N, C-alpha and C. Protein backbone atom coordinates (compact mmCIF):
# COMPACT_ATOMS: atom_id res chain seq x y z
N UNK A 1 22.91 50.48 -5.84
CA UNK A 1 23.26 50.95 -5.39
C UNK A 1 23.80 51.09 -4.07
N UNK A 2 23.29 49.64 -3.47
CA UNK A 2 24.33 49.13 -2.17
C UNK A 2 25.34 48.79 -2.49
N UNK A 3 25.48 48.21 -3.61
CA UNK A 3 26.71 47.50 -3.75
C UNK A 3 28.30 48.24 -3.47
N UNK A 4 27.57 49.21 -4.09
CA UNK A 4 28.55 50.55 -4.14
C UNK A 4 28.98 51.45 -2.79
N UNK A 5 27.93 51.23 -1.82
CA UNK A 5 28.09 51.67 -0.62
C UNK A 5 29.21 50.31 -0.26
N UNK A 6 28.60 49.08 0.11
CA UNK A 6 28.98 47.94 1.25
C UNK A 6 30.04 47.55 0.27
N UNK A 7 30.65 47.56 -0.80
CA UNK A 7 31.53 46.64 -1.20
C UNK A 7 31.36 45.29 -1.65
N UNK A 8 32.54 44.87 -1.26
CA UNK A 8 32.74 43.24 -1.46
C UNK A 8 32.53 42.45 -0.06
N UNK A 9 31.50 41.63 -0.57
CA UNK A 9 31.24 40.60 1.08
C UNK A 9 32.20 39.65 0.51
N UNK A 10 32.54 39.03 2.17
CA UNK A 10 33.15 37.81 2.45
C UNK A 10 32.78 36.84 3.32
N UNK A 11 32.75 35.31 3.13
CA UNK A 11 31.71 34.58 3.65
C UNK A 11 33.12 34.11 4.49
N UNK A 12 32.54 34.26 6.03
CA UNK A 12 32.95 33.69 6.94
C UNK A 12 32.85 32.49 7.59
N UNK A 13 32.34 31.78 6.94
CA UNK A 13 31.84 30.38 7.65
C UNK A 13 30.25 30.34 7.82
N UNK A 14 30.10 29.54 9.23
CA UNK A 14 28.99 29.60 9.92
C UNK A 14 28.64 30.74 10.32
N UNK A 15 27.36 31.03 10.75
CA UNK A 15 26.41 31.55 11.82
C UNK A 15 27.67 32.21 12.97
N UNK A 16 27.82 33.25 13.16
CA UNK A 16 28.37 33.82 14.30
C UNK A 16 30.29 34.02 14.06
N UNK A 17 30.22 33.62 13.10
CA UNK A 17 31.98 32.93 12.91
C UNK A 17 32.54 34.43 12.74
N UNK A 18 31.78 35.50 12.22
CA UNK A 18 31.83 36.81 11.94
C UNK A 18 32.20 37.92 12.59
N UNK A 19 31.54 37.34 14.15
CA UNK A 19 31.79 37.97 15.09
C UNK A 19 33.61 37.87 15.77
N UNK A 20 34.39 36.64 15.55
CA UNK A 20 35.48 36.42 15.80
C UNK A 20 36.08 37.42 15.14
N UNK A 21 36.04 37.61 13.97
CA UNK A 21 36.71 38.26 12.76
C UNK A 21 36.59 40.10 13.48
N UNK A 22 35.41 40.35 13.83
CA UNK A 22 35.00 41.39 14.22
C UNK A 22 35.77 41.82 15.25
N UNK A 23 36.42 41.19 16.25
CA UNK A 23 37.04 40.86 17.53
C UNK A 23 38.20 41.10 17.35
N UNK A 24 39.02 40.56 16.30
CA UNK A 24 39.85 40.61 15.98
C UNK A 24 40.53 41.55 15.23
N UNK A 25 39.66 42.49 14.10
CA UNK A 25 39.90 43.68 13.93
C UNK A 25 39.89 44.57 14.89
N UNK A 26 39.02 44.65 15.75
CA UNK A 26 38.98 45.46 16.79
C UNK A 26 40.19 45.86 17.87
N UNK A 27 40.83 44.22 18.00
CA UNK A 27 41.63 44.61 18.70
C UNK A 27 43.04 45.27 18.16
N UNK A 28 43.40 44.75 16.41
CA UNK A 28 44.45 45.08 15.84
C UNK A 28 44.25 46.88 15.64
N UNK A 29 42.63 47.21 15.81
CA UNK A 29 43.19 48.80 15.90
C UNK A 29 43.30 49.12 16.99
N UNK A 30 42.46 48.82 17.90
CA UNK A 30 43.38 49.13 19.19
C UNK A 30 44.67 49.49 19.55
N UNK A 31 45.42 48.09 19.02
CA UNK A 31 46.87 48.17 19.16
C UNK A 31 47.50 49.19 18.49
N UNK A 32 47.28 49.40 16.98
CA UNK A 32 47.83 50.69 16.18
C UNK A 32 47.50 51.81 17.05
N UNK A 33 46.18 51.79 17.71
CA UNK A 33 46.22 52.89 18.35
C UNK A 33 46.77 53.72 19.27
N UNK A 34 47.16 52.58 20.29
CA UNK A 34 47.79 52.67 21.21
C UNK A 34 49.53 52.85 21.09
N UNK A 35 50.38 52.36 19.87
CA UNK A 35 51.24 52.43 19.19
C UNK A 35 51.27 53.77 18.57
N UNK A 36 50.47 54.51 17.94
CA UNK A 36 50.56 55.78 17.10
C UNK A 36 50.36 56.79 18.67
N UNK A 37 49.72 56.55 19.49
CA UNK A 37 49.58 57.69 20.84
C UNK A 37 51.30 57.52 21.28
N UNK A 38 51.61 56.48 21.48
CA UNK A 38 52.84 56.07 21.59
C UNK A 38 53.67 57.05 21.28
N UNK A 39 54.08 56.61 19.76
CA UNK A 39 54.85 57.64 18.70
C UNK A 39 54.85 59.07 18.82
N UNK A 40 53.61 59.18 19.23
CA UNK A 40 53.00 60.99 18.75
C UNK A 40 53.32 62.01 20.21
N UNK A 41 53.61 60.63 21.28
CA UNK A 41 53.26 61.54 22.88
C UNK A 41 54.59 62.35 22.78
N UNK A 42 54.68 63.59 22.91
CA UNK A 42 56.06 64.40 23.31
C UNK A 42 57.05 63.72 24.23
N UNK A 43 56.86 63.01 25.16
CA UNK A 43 57.34 62.49 26.36
C UNK A 43 58.56 61.20 26.00
N UNK A 44 57.50 60.92 24.74
CA UNK A 44 58.35 59.29 23.87
C UNK A 44 57.41 58.43 24.46
N UNK A 45 56.74 58.52 25.66
CA UNK A 45 55.69 57.47 25.89
C UNK A 45 54.27 57.62 26.75
N UNK A 46 53.78 56.88 25.93
CA UNK A 46 52.04 57.00 26.42
C UNK A 46 52.01 56.83 27.88
N UNK A 47 52.30 55.59 28.26
CA UNK A 47 52.07 55.02 29.37
C UNK A 47 52.62 55.76 30.69
N UNK A 48 52.87 57.15 30.83
CA UNK A 48 53.15 57.73 31.69
C UNK A 48 52.15 58.68 32.02
N UNK A 49 50.89 58.34 30.96
CA UNK A 49 49.45 59.21 31.77
C UNK A 49 49.23 59.16 32.88
N UNK A 50 48.46 60.74 33.43
CA UNK A 50 48.33 60.24 34.75
C UNK A 50 46.45 60.84 34.66
N UNK A 51 45.80 59.96 35.16
CA UNK A 51 44.45 60.29 35.13
C UNK A 51 44.00 60.57 36.29
């Protein structure tokens, strides 16, 4: 049952090397989110937000 939930396992090397892949994946998600926000923002640029 757990195989159906977790899917495929990938060996990333020594203990702790998976953390590096997690950081890279999170960085790519952040870049993608920022690009999507800029594409969907009505003024054409999300960098003009005022907090």
